[in-house]
């Protein structure tokens, strides 16, 4: 008996993360252009709904785990809100 299997995966490669972090720290990569909206953990349903929306301008959404104040601010931020990297 022969079984056909198709396997899909993502491999980021050895050493790529260190280079990416350096690009982000240097300002060479604009993360704001990628992340359209930041959601608090209590809004995961809304985050996935936004991610599935065809009209979004930026390809990523982010779930921010932080203080209650940060989470509340993330929930109110518009899609065009800027994000910060810590």
N, C-alpha and C. Protein backbone atom coordinates (compact mmCIF):
# COMPACT_ATOMS: atom_id res chain seq x y z
N UNK A 1 0.84 -1.17 0.00
CA UNK A 1 0.00 0.00 0.00
C UNK A 1 0.89 1.24 0.00
N UNK A 2 0.52 2.22 -0.80
CA UNK A 2 1.26 3.48 -0.90
C UNK A 2 0.38 4.60 -0.35
N UNK A 3 0.96 5.43 0.48
CA UNK A 3 0.24 6.58 1.02
C UNK A 3 0.89 7.85 0.49
N UNK A 4 0.09 8.74 -0.05
CA UNK A 4 0.57 10.05 -0.48
C UNK A 4 0.35 11.04 0.65
N UNK A 5 1.38 11.76 0.96
CA UNK A 5 1.30 12.75 2.02
C UNK A 5 1.84 14.07 1.48
N UNK A 6 1.11 15.14 1.76
CA UNK A 6 1.59 16.48 1.44
C UNK A 6 1.81 17.20 2.76
N UNK A 7 2.99 17.70 2.95
CA UNK A 7 3.35 18.38 4.20
C UNK A 7 3.70 19.82 3.88
N UNK A 8 3.06 20.74 4.59
CA UNK A 8 3.35 22.17 4.44
C UNK A 8 3.91 22.68 5.75
N UNK A 9 4.94 23.47 5.68
CA UNK A 9 5.51 24.02 6.90
C UNK A 9 6.27 25.30 6.61
N UNK A 10 6.71 25.94 7.67
CA UNK A 10 7.47 27.17 7.55
C UNK A 10 8.77 26.98 8.33
N UNK A 11 9.86 27.25 7.69
CA UNK A 11 11.16 27.15 8.33
C UNK A 11 11.84 28.50 8.21
N UNK A 12 12.12 29.12 9.33
CA UNK A 12 12.68 30.47 9.28
C UNK A 12 14.19 30.47 9.06
N UNK A 13 14.83 29.39 9.28
CA UNK A 13 16.26 29.32 9.02
C UNK A 13 17.10 29.67 10.24
N UNK A 14 18.29 29.14 10.26
CA UNK A 14 19.21 29.37 11.37
C UNK A 14 19.80 30.78 11.28
N UNK A 15 19.74 31.51 12.36
CA UNK A 15 20.34 32.83 12.42
C UNK A 15 19.50 33.98 11.88
N UNK A 16 18.34 33.70 11.34
CA UNK A 16 17.51 34.76 10.78
C UNK A 16 16.93 35.68 11.84
N UNK A 17 16.57 35.14 12.99
CA UNK A 17 15.94 35.97 14.03
C UNK A 17 16.89 37.03 14.56
N UNK A 18 18.16 36.67 14.75
CA UNK A 18 19.13 37.65 15.23
C UNK A 18 19.27 38.80 14.24
N UNK A 19 19.30 38.48 12.95
CA UNK A 19 19.40 39.52 11.92
C UNK A 19 18.14 40.39 11.90
N UNK A 20 16.98 39.75 12.04
CA UNK A 20 15.73 40.50 12.03
C UNK A 20 15.67 41.48 13.20
N UNK A 21 16.04 41.02 14.38
CA UNK A 21 16.03 41.89 15.56
C UNK A 21 16.95 43.09 15.34
N UNK A 22 18.11 42.88 14.74
CA UNK A 22 19.03 43.99 14.46
C UNK A 22 18.41 44.98 13.48
N UNK A 23 17.72 44.46 12.44
CA UNK A 23 17.06 45.35 11.48
C UNK A 23 15.98 46.18 12.17
N UNK A 24 15.19 45.55 13.03
CA UNK A 24 14.12 46.27 13.73
C UNK A 24 14.71 47.32 14.66
N UNK A 25 15.73 46.94 15.41
CA UNK A 25 16.36 47.89 16.34
C UNK A 25 16.99 49.09 15.61
N UNK A 26 17.49 48.85 14.41
CA UNK A 26 18.14 49.93 13.66
C UNK A 26 17.13 50.85 12.97
N UNK A 27 15.86 50.42 12.92
CA UNK A 27 14.84 51.21 12.25
C UNK A 27 14.70 50.88 10.77
N UNK A 28 15.45 49.89 10.28
CA UNK A 28 15.40 49.52 8.87
C UNK A 28 14.10 48.82 8.49
N UNK A 29 13.43 48.22 9.47
CA UNK A 29 12.16 47.53 9.23
C UNK A 29 11.06 48.31 9.92
N UNK A 30 10.05 48.70 9.17
CA UNK A 30 8.93 49.46 9.72
C UNK A 30 7.81 48.50 10.11
N UNK A 31 7.77 48.12 11.39
CA UNK A 31 6.74 47.19 11.86
C UNK A 31 5.35 47.81 11.81
N UNK A 32 5.27 49.13 11.90
CA UNK A 32 3.96 49.80 11.82
C UNK A 32 3.27 49.50 10.49
N UNK A 33 4.05 49.30 9.45
CA UNK A 33 3.47 49.01 8.14
C UNK A 33 2.85 47.62 8.08
N UNK A 34 3.22 46.76 9.00
CA UNK A 34 2.72 45.38 9.00
C UNK A 34 1.54 45.16 9.93
N UNK A 35 1.56 45.80 11.09
CA UNK A 35 0.54 45.54 12.12
C UNK A 35 -0.57 46.57 12.02
N UNK A 36 -1.77 46.09 11.71
CA UNK A 36 -2.90 46.98 11.54
C UNK A 36 -3.63 47.31 12.82
N UNK A 37 -3.62 46.40 13.77
CA UNK A 37 -4.39 46.61 14.99
C UNK A 37 -3.81 45.78 16.12
N UNK A 38 -3.83 46.31 17.32
CA UNK A 38 -3.37 45.61 18.52
C UNK A 38 -4.58 45.36 19.40
N UNK A 39 -4.77 44.10 19.82
CA UNK A 39 -5.92 43.72 20.64
C UNK A 39 -5.46 43.21 22.00
N UNK A 40 -6.29 43.41 23.03
CA UNK A 40 -6.01 42.79 24.32
C UNK A 40 -6.45 41.32 24.29
N UNK A 41 -5.95 40.50 25.19
CA UNK A 41 -6.31 39.08 25.19
C UNK A 41 -7.82 38.82 25.29
N UNK A 42 -8.56 39.68 25.95
CA UNK A 42 -10.00 39.47 26.09
C UNK A 42 -10.74 39.67 24.77
N UNK A 43 -10.07 40.18 23.77
CA UNK A 43 -10.70 40.44 22.47
C UNK A 43 -10.18 39.53 21.37
N UNK A 44 -9.84 38.29 21.72
CA UNK A 44 -9.31 37.36 20.72
C UNK A 44 -10.29 37.13 19.58
N UNK A 45 -11.59 37.02 19.89
CA UNK A 45 -12.59 36.83 18.83
C UNK A 45 -12.53 37.99 17.83
N UNK A 46 -12.45 39.21 18.34
CA UNK A 46 -12.38 40.38 17.46
C UNK A 46 -11.08 40.38 16.66
N UNK A 47 -9.99 39.93 17.28
CA UNK A 47 -8.71 39.88 16.58
C UNK A 47 -8.78 38.92 15.39
N UNK A 48 -9.35 37.74 15.61
CA UNK A 48 -9.47 36.77 14.52
C UNK A 48 -10.45 37.25 13.45
N UNK A 49 -11.51 37.92 13.86
CA UNK A 49 -12.45 38.48 12.89
C UNK A 49 -11.75 39.52 12.02
N UNK A 50 -10.97 40.38 12.65
CA UNK A 50 -10.24 41.41 11.91
C UNK A 50 -9.21 40.77 10.98
N UNK A 51 -8.56 39.73 11.44
CA UNK A 51 -7.56 39.05 10.63
C UNK A 51 -8.18 38.43 9.38
N UNK A 52 -9.43 37.98 9.48
CA UNK A 52 -10.12 37.37 8.35
C UNK A 52 -10.74 38.39 7.40
N UNK A 53 -10.82 39.65 7.83
CA UNK A 53 -11.46 40.68 7.01
C UNK A 53 -10.64 40.98 5.76
N UNK A 54 -11.30 41.02 4.63
CA UNK A 54 -10.60 41.27 3.37
C UNK A 54 -10.26 42.75 3.17
N UNK A 55 -10.90 43.63 3.92
CA UNK A 55 -10.67 45.06 3.71
C UNK A 55 -9.56 45.64 4.58
N UNK A 56 -8.87 44.80 5.35
CA UNK A 56 -7.81 45.37 6.20
C UNK A 56 -6.63 45.81 5.34
N UNK A 57 -6.01 46.91 5.75
CA UNK A 57 -4.92 47.50 4.98
C UNK A 57 -3.56 46.91 5.33
N UNK A 58 -3.44 46.36 6.51
CA UNK A 58 -2.16 45.81 6.95
C UNK A 58 -2.34 44.32 7.24
N UNK A 59 -1.32 43.49 6.94
CA UNK A 59 -1.51 42.04 6.98
C UNK A 59 -1.56 41.40 8.36
N UNK A 60 -1.13 42.07 9.40
CA UNK A 60 -1.02 41.43 10.72
C UNK A 60 -1.89 42.11 11.76
N UNK A 61 -2.32 41.32 12.74
CA UNK A 61 -2.88 41.86 13.97
C UNK A 61 -2.03 41.32 15.11
N UNK A 62 -2.03 42.02 16.23
CA UNK A 62 -1.23 41.61 17.37
C UNK A 62 -2.09 41.53 18.61
N UNK A 63 -1.82 40.53 19.45
CA UNK A 63 -2.45 40.44 20.76
C UNK A 63 -1.40 40.83 21.77
N UNK A 64 -1.67 41.90 22.51
CA UNK A 64 -0.71 42.41 23.48
C UNK A 64 -1.10 41.94 24.87
N UNK A 65 -0.19 41.27 25.52
CA UNK A 65 -0.39 40.85 26.90
C UNK A 65 0.40 41.81 27.76
N UNK A 66 -0.30 42.56 28.60
CA UNK A 66 0.38 43.55 29.42
C UNK A 66 -0.50 43.94 30.58
N UNK A 67 -0.29 45.15 31.05
CA UNK A 67 -1.09 45.64 32.17
C UNK A 67 -2.51 45.90 31.72
N UNK A 68 -3.42 46.04 32.67
CA UNK A 68 -4.81 46.35 32.35
C UNK A 68 -4.92 47.66 31.58
N UNK A 69 -4.11 48.64 31.94
CA UNK A 69 -4.14 49.94 31.25
C UNK A 69 -3.73 49.78 29.79
N UNK A 70 -2.65 49.03 29.53
CA UNK A 70 -2.20 48.80 28.16
C UNK A 70 -3.24 48.04 27.36
N UNK A 71 -3.86 47.02 27.98
CA UNK A 71 -4.86 46.23 27.29
C UNK A 71 -6.09 47.07 26.95
N UNK A 72 -6.50 47.93 27.86
CA UNK A 72 -7.65 48.80 27.61
C UNK A 72 -7.35 49.77 26.47
N UNK A 73 -6.14 50.33 26.46
CA UNK A 73 -5.76 51.25 25.39
C UNK A 73 -5.71 50.54 24.05
N UNK A 74 -5.21 49.31 24.03
CA UNK A 74 -5.13 48.54 22.78
C UNK A 74 -6.52 48.26 22.24
N UNK A 75 -7.47 48.01 23.11
CA UNK A 75 -8.83 47.69 22.67
C UNK A 75 -9.49 48.89 22.00
N UNK A 76 -9.10 50.11 22.40
CA UNK A 76 -9.72 51.33 21.86
C UNK A 76 -8.98 51.90 20.65
N UNK A 77 -7.78 51.40 20.36
CA UNK A 77 -6.95 51.98 19.30
C UNK A 77 -7.54 51.69 17.93
N UNK A 78 -7.53 52.69 17.04
CA UNK A 78 -8.01 52.47 15.67
C UNK A 78 -6.99 51.65 14.88
N UNK A 79 -7.40 51.15 13.72
CA UNK A 79 -6.51 50.32 12.92
C UNK A 79 -5.27 51.08 12.48
N UNK A 80 -5.36 52.37 12.37
CA UNK A 80 -4.22 53.15 11.92
C UNK A 80 -3.28 53.52 13.07
N UNK A 81 -3.59 53.06 14.27
CA UNK A 81 -2.74 53.40 15.43
C UNK A 81 -1.34 52.83 15.24
N UNK A 82 -0.37 53.58 15.71
CA UNK A 82 1.01 53.15 15.62
C UNK A 82 1.32 52.19 16.77
N UNK A 83 2.24 51.28 16.56
CA UNK A 83 2.64 50.37 17.62
C UNK A 83 4.05 50.69 18.04
N UNK A 84 4.43 50.22 19.22
CA UNK A 84 5.80 50.43 19.67
C UNK A 84 6.41 49.08 19.97
N UNK A 85 7.71 48.97 19.76
CA UNK A 85 8.46 47.75 20.04
C UNK A 85 9.25 47.97 21.30
N UNK A 86 9.14 47.02 22.21
CA UNK A 86 9.87 47.15 23.47
C UNK A 86 10.95 46.11 23.54
